[in-house]
Every structure is written in structure tokens, then in C-alpha cells.
């Protein structure tokens, strides 16, 4: 399998309930129609066992950014309601 090299387009740094969260939007080099985002920590609902892991790709930077900001808002809301950070997850 060939390696895919990504370029980081934008990085966000936020703190959510004392947890430093780094997020970034990436796109493969030489592909301006494929965007994804990653976060260094994932969140868990108090009612669900699995971490909420983003696993989507987008066809525009604006969509990727909008979904990333929505993810960070959901992260904040989950912490507010008693959720937790999933252990052992990083980029």
C-alpha cells in the first residue's frame, strides 16, 4: 500500500474542562477535493462505552471546518453533561 502524505491546513487548540484538545484539518498533497479532520483526544458519553471518533472525509474545506467545530462543540457539551475523555487515544 502506497503511503499518503497529508498537508495540515489549519490547527485549532482549545481546552475543554481542563483537557487540552488539538484538532487539525488535513488534505492529501495534490488533492484539493479531499479533506478530513483529526483530534488528539476523543470523548465518551456517560451512557455509551465507545469513544466518539470522527471518521469522515469531506469534499470542501468549509465542510470539514464546520464539522470540526461541531465536533468540538459536541465534545464540550458531553463534558458539561458528565461525559469523559476516552483513555489512551492520540493522533
N, C-alpha and C. Protein backbone atom coordinates (compact mmCIF):
# COMPACT_ATOMS: atom_id res chain seq x y z
N UNK A 1 0.84 -1.18 0.00
CA UNK A 1 0.00 0.00 0.00
C UNK A 1 0.88 1.24 0.00
N UNK A 2 0.61 2.14 -0.90
CA UNK A 2 1.40 3.37 -1.01
C UNK A 2 1.08 4.31 0.14
N UNK A 3 2.10 5.00 0.61
CA UNK A 3 1.90 6.00 1.67
C UNK A 3 1.21 7.23 1.11
N UNK A 4 0.32 7.80 1.90
CA UNK A 4 -0.33 9.05 1.51
C UNK A 4 0.22 10.15 2.41
N UNK A 5 0.72 11.20 1.80
CA UNK A 5 1.27 12.32 2.57
C UNK A 5 0.23 13.41 2.64
N UNK A 6 -0.06 13.84 3.87
CA UNK A 6 -1.05 14.89 4.09
C UNK A 6 -0.38 16.20 4.40
N UNK A 7 -1.06 17.27 4.07
CA UNK A 7 -0.64 18.59 4.50
C UNK A 7 -1.65 19.09 5.52
N UNK A 8 -1.15 19.68 6.59
CA UNK A 8 -2.03 20.24 7.62
C UNK A 8 -2.40 21.65 7.19
N UNK A 9 -3.70 21.87 7.01
CA UNK A 9 -4.16 23.16 6.52
C UNK A 9 -4.38 24.15 7.65
N UNK A 10 -4.96 23.66 8.75
CA UNK A 10 -5.23 24.54 9.88
C UNK A 10 -5.22 23.73 11.15
N UNK A 11 -4.72 24.32 12.23
CA UNK A 11 -4.76 23.66 13.53
C UNK A 11 -5.53 24.53 14.52
N UNK A 12 -6.26 23.86 15.39
CA UNK A 12 -7.01 24.53 16.45
C UNK A 12 -6.51 23.99 17.78
N UNK A 13 -6.40 24.86 18.78
CA UNK A 13 -6.04 24.45 20.12
C UNK A 13 -7.10 24.99 21.06
N UNK A 14 -7.76 24.10 21.80
CA UNK A 14 -8.77 24.52 22.77
C UNK A 14 -8.56 23.71 24.05
N UNK A 15 -9.11 24.21 25.13
CA UNK A 15 -9.10 23.47 26.38
C UNK A 15 -10.55 23.23 26.78
N UNK A 16 -10.89 21.97 26.99
CA UNK A 16 -12.26 21.60 27.33
C UNK A 16 -12.23 20.89 28.68
N UNK A 17 -12.76 21.54 29.68
CA UNK A 17 -12.77 21.01 31.05
C UNK A 17 -11.39 20.55 31.49
N UNK A 18 -10.39 21.37 31.21
CA UNK A 18 -9.03 21.06 31.62
C UNK A 18 -8.29 20.10 30.71
N UNK A 19 -8.94 19.63 29.66
CA UNK A 19 -8.28 18.72 28.71
C UNK A 19 -7.80 19.53 27.50
N UNK A 20 -6.50 19.58 27.25
CA UNK A 20 -6.03 20.26 26.04
C UNK A 20 -6.40 19.45 24.82
N UNK A 21 -7.11 20.08 23.91
CA UNK A 21 -7.55 19.39 22.69
C UNK A 21 -6.93 20.09 21.49
N UNK A 22 -6.16 19.32 20.73
CA UNK A 22 -5.58 19.84 19.48
C UNK A 22 -6.34 19.19 18.34
N UNK A 23 -6.77 19.99 17.41
CA UNK A 23 -7.50 19.49 16.25
C UNK A 23 -6.86 20.06 15.00
N UNK A 24 -6.95 19.31 13.91
CA UNK A 24 -6.36 19.80 12.67
C UNK A 24 -7.16 19.32 11.48
N UNK A 25 -7.17 20.17 10.47
CA UNK A 25 -7.79 19.82 9.19
C UNK A 25 -6.67 19.50 8.22
N UNK A 26 -6.81 18.36 7.53
CA UNK A 26 -5.76 17.89 6.63
C UNK A 26 -6.31 17.61 5.24
N UNK A 27 -5.43 17.60 4.30
CA UNK A 27 -5.78 17.20 2.94
C UNK A 27 -4.57 16.50 2.34
N UNK A 28 -4.80 15.44 1.59
CA UNK A 28 -3.65 14.81 0.91
C UNK A 28 -2.98 15.80 -0.04
N UNK A 29 -1.67 15.74 -0.08
CA UNK A 29 -0.94 16.59 -1.03
C UNK A 29 -1.40 16.24 -2.45
N UNK A 30 -1.56 17.23 -3.27
CA UNK A 30 -2.01 17.08 -4.67
C UNK A 30 -3.46 16.65 -4.80
N UNK A 31 -4.26 16.85 -3.76
CA UNK A 31 -5.69 16.53 -3.86
C UNK A 31 -6.47 17.62 -3.15
N UNK A 32 -7.04 18.53 -3.93
CA UNK A 32 -7.75 19.66 -3.33
C UNK A 32 -9.24 19.39 -3.14
N UNK A 33 -9.66 18.14 -3.26
CA UNK A 33 -11.08 17.80 -3.10
C UNK A 33 -11.30 16.78 -1.99
N UNK A 34 -10.32 16.58 -1.14
CA UNK A 34 -10.42 15.59 -0.08
C UNK A 34 -9.88 16.20 1.21
N UNK A 35 -10.74 16.34 2.20
CA UNK A 35 -10.37 16.96 3.47
C UNK A 35 -10.84 16.06 4.60
N UNK A 36 -10.11 16.04 5.68
CA UNK A 36 -10.54 15.32 6.86
C UNK A 36 -10.04 16.08 8.08
N UNK A 37 -10.55 15.72 9.25
CA UNK A 37 -10.02 16.32 10.45
C UNK A 37 -9.69 15.25 11.48
N UNK A 38 -8.76 15.60 12.36
CA UNK A 38 -8.34 14.72 13.44
C UNK A 38 -8.33 15.52 14.73
N UNK A 39 -8.57 14.85 15.83
CA UNK A 39 -8.40 15.46 17.14
C UNK A 39 -7.51 14.53 17.97
N UNK A 40 -6.75 15.10 18.89
CA UNK A 40 -5.82 14.28 19.67
C UNK A 40 -6.52 13.54 20.80
N UNK A 41 -7.73 13.95 21.20
CA UNK A 41 -8.49 13.26 22.24
C UNK A 41 -9.92 13.08 21.76
N UNK A 42 -10.52 11.97 22.14
CA UNK A 42 -11.91 11.70 21.80
C UNK A 42 -12.74 11.74 23.07
N UNK A 43 -14.04 11.92 22.91
CA UNK A 43 -14.90 11.98 24.09
C UNK A 43 -15.83 10.79 24.16
N UNK A 44 -16.24 10.46 25.39
CA UNK A 44 -17.18 9.37 25.63
C UNK A 44 -18.41 9.92 26.32
N UNK A 45 -19.57 9.54 25.83
CA UNK A 45 -20.81 9.82 26.55
C UNK A 45 -20.83 8.97 27.81
N UNK A 46 -21.48 9.46 28.83
CA UNK A 46 -21.58 8.65 30.05
C UNK A 46 -22.47 7.43 29.83
N UNK A 47 -23.31 7.47 28.80
CA UNK A 47 -24.23 6.36 28.54
C UNK A 47 -23.72 5.39 27.48
N UNK A 48 -22.60 5.70 26.84
CA UNK A 48 -22.06 4.84 25.79
C UNK A 48 -20.66 4.39 26.15
N UNK A 49 -20.30 3.18 25.75
CA UNK A 49 -18.99 2.62 26.07
C UNK A 49 -17.89 3.06 25.10
N UNK A 50 -18.26 3.34 23.84
CA UNK A 50 -17.24 3.65 22.84
C UNK A 50 -17.00 5.15 22.74
N UNK A 51 -15.78 5.48 22.39
CA UNK A 51 -15.44 6.89 22.20
C UNK A 51 -16.06 7.39 20.90
N UNK A 52 -16.40 8.66 20.89
CA UNK A 52 -16.95 9.29 19.69
C UNK A 52 -15.76 9.71 18.82
N UNK A 53 -15.46 8.90 17.82
CA UNK A 53 -14.29 9.12 16.97
C UNK A 53 -14.74 9.64 15.61
N UNK A 54 -14.29 10.83 15.20
CA UNK A 54 -14.67 11.31 13.88
C UNK A 54 -14.01 10.47 12.79
N UNK A 55 -14.76 10.09 11.80
CA UNK A 55 -14.23 9.23 10.74
C UNK A 55 -14.82 9.62 9.40
N UNK A 56 -14.82 10.87 9.08
CA UNK A 56 -15.43 11.33 7.84
C UNK A 56 -14.42 12.07 6.98
N UNK A 57 -14.66 12.04 5.70
CA UNK A 57 -13.92 12.91 4.78
C UNK A 57 -14.92 13.84 4.11
N UNK A 58 -14.44 14.96 3.65
CA UNK A 58 -15.30 16.00 3.10
C UNK A 58 -14.74 16.46 1.77
N UNK A 59 -15.63 17.01 0.96
CA UNK A 59 -15.21 17.45 -0.37
C UNK A 59 -14.85 18.92 -0.42
N UNK A 60 -14.99 19.62 0.70
CA UNK A 60 -14.56 21.02 0.72
C UNK A 60 -14.00 21.36 2.09
N UNK A 61 -13.11 22.32 2.11
CA UNK A 61 -12.52 22.77 3.37
C UNK A 61 -13.59 23.32 4.30
N UNK A 62 -14.54 24.08 3.75
CA UNK A 62 -15.59 24.69 4.57
C UNK A 62 -16.41 23.63 5.30
N UNK A 63 -16.74 22.54 4.61
CA UNK A 63 -17.49 21.46 5.26
C UNK A 63 -16.67 20.80 6.37
N UNK A 64 -15.39 20.56 6.10
CA UNK A 64 -14.53 19.95 7.12
C UNK A 64 -14.43 20.85 8.34
N UNK A 65 -14.26 22.15 8.12
CA UNK A 65 -14.15 23.08 9.25
C UNK A 65 -15.46 23.14 10.03
N UNK A 66 -16.58 23.19 9.33
CA UNK A 66 -17.88 23.24 10.00
C UNK A 66 -18.11 21.99 10.86
N UNK A 67 -17.79 20.81 10.31
CA UNK A 67 -17.96 19.58 11.07
C UNK A 67 -16.98 19.50 12.24
N UNK A 68 -15.77 19.99 12.06
CA UNK A 68 -14.81 20.01 13.16
C UNK A 68 -15.31 20.90 14.29
N UNK A 69 -15.78 22.09 13.96
CA UNK A 69 -16.28 22.98 15.01
C UNK A 69 -17.51 22.38 15.69
N UNK A 70 -18.36 21.68 14.93
CA UNK A 70 -19.49 20.98 15.51
C UNK A 70 -19.03 19.86 16.44
N UNK A 71 -17.97 19.16 16.05
CA UNK A 71 -17.43 18.10 16.90
C UNK A 71 -16.91 18.67 18.21
N UNK A 72 -16.18 19.79 18.13
CA UNK A 72 -15.65 20.40 19.34
C UNK A 72 -16.78 20.89 20.26
N UNK A 73 -17.85 21.39 19.66
CA UNK A 73 -19.00 21.80 20.46
C UNK A 73 -19.65 20.59 21.13
N UNK A 74 -19.77 19.48 20.41
CA UNK A 74 -20.33 18.26 20.99
C UNK A 74 -19.42 17.74 22.11
N UNK A 75 -18.13 17.86 21.93
CA UNK A 75 -17.15 17.48 22.96
C UNK A 75 -17.43 18.30 24.23
N UNK A 76 -17.54 19.61 24.06
CA UNK A 76 -17.81 20.50 25.20
C UNK A 76 -19.13 20.13 25.89
N UNK A 77 -20.18 19.92 25.09
CA UNK A 77 -21.49 19.58 25.65
C UNK A 77 -21.45 18.25 26.41
N UNK A 78 -20.71 17.28 25.88
CA UNK A 78 -20.60 15.99 26.54
C UNK A 78 -19.88 16.11 27.87
N UNK A 79 -18.82 16.91 27.91
CA UNK A 79 -18.12 17.13 29.18
C UNK A 79 -19.04 17.84 30.18
N UNK A 80 -19.81 18.81 29.68
CA UNK A 80 -20.74 19.53 30.55
C UNK A 80 -21.76 18.60 31.19
N UNK A 81 -22.15 17.55 30.46
CA UNK A 81 -23.19 16.63 30.94
C UNK A 81 -22.62 15.39 31.64
N UNK A 82 -21.34 15.43 31.97
CA UNK A 82 -20.75 14.34 32.74
C UNK A 82 -20.03 13.29 31.94
N UNK A 83 -19.80 13.53 30.66
CA UNK A 83 -19.02 12.59 29.87
C UNK A 83 -17.55 12.66 30.25
N UNK A 84 -16.74 11.91 29.57
CA UNK A 84 -15.31 11.86 29.91
C UNK A 84 -14.50 11.72 28.63
N UNK A 85 -13.19 11.92 28.79
CA UNK A 85 -12.28 11.74 27.67
C UNK A 85 -11.93 10.26 27.60
N UNK A 86 -11.96 9.70 26.40
CA UNK A 86 -11.62 8.29 26.22
C UNK A 86 -10.12 8.11 26.52
N UNK A 87 -9.77 7.14 27.34
CA UNK A 87 -8.36 6.95 27.69
C UNK A 87 -7.54 6.38 26.54
N UNK A 88 -6.28 6.81 26.48
CA UNK A 88 -5.33 6.20 25.56
C UNK A 88 -5.50 6.53 24.10
N UNK A 89 -6.15 7.64 23.78
CA UNK A 89 -6.29 7.99 22.37
C UNK A 89 -5.46 9.23 22.04
N UNK A 90 -4.78 9.17 20.95
CA UNK A 90 -3.99 10.28 20.44
C UNK A 90 -4.01 10.22 18.93
N UNK A 91 -3.42 11.23 18.30
CA UNK A 91 -3.34 11.25 16.85
C UNK A 91 -2.79 9.92 16.37
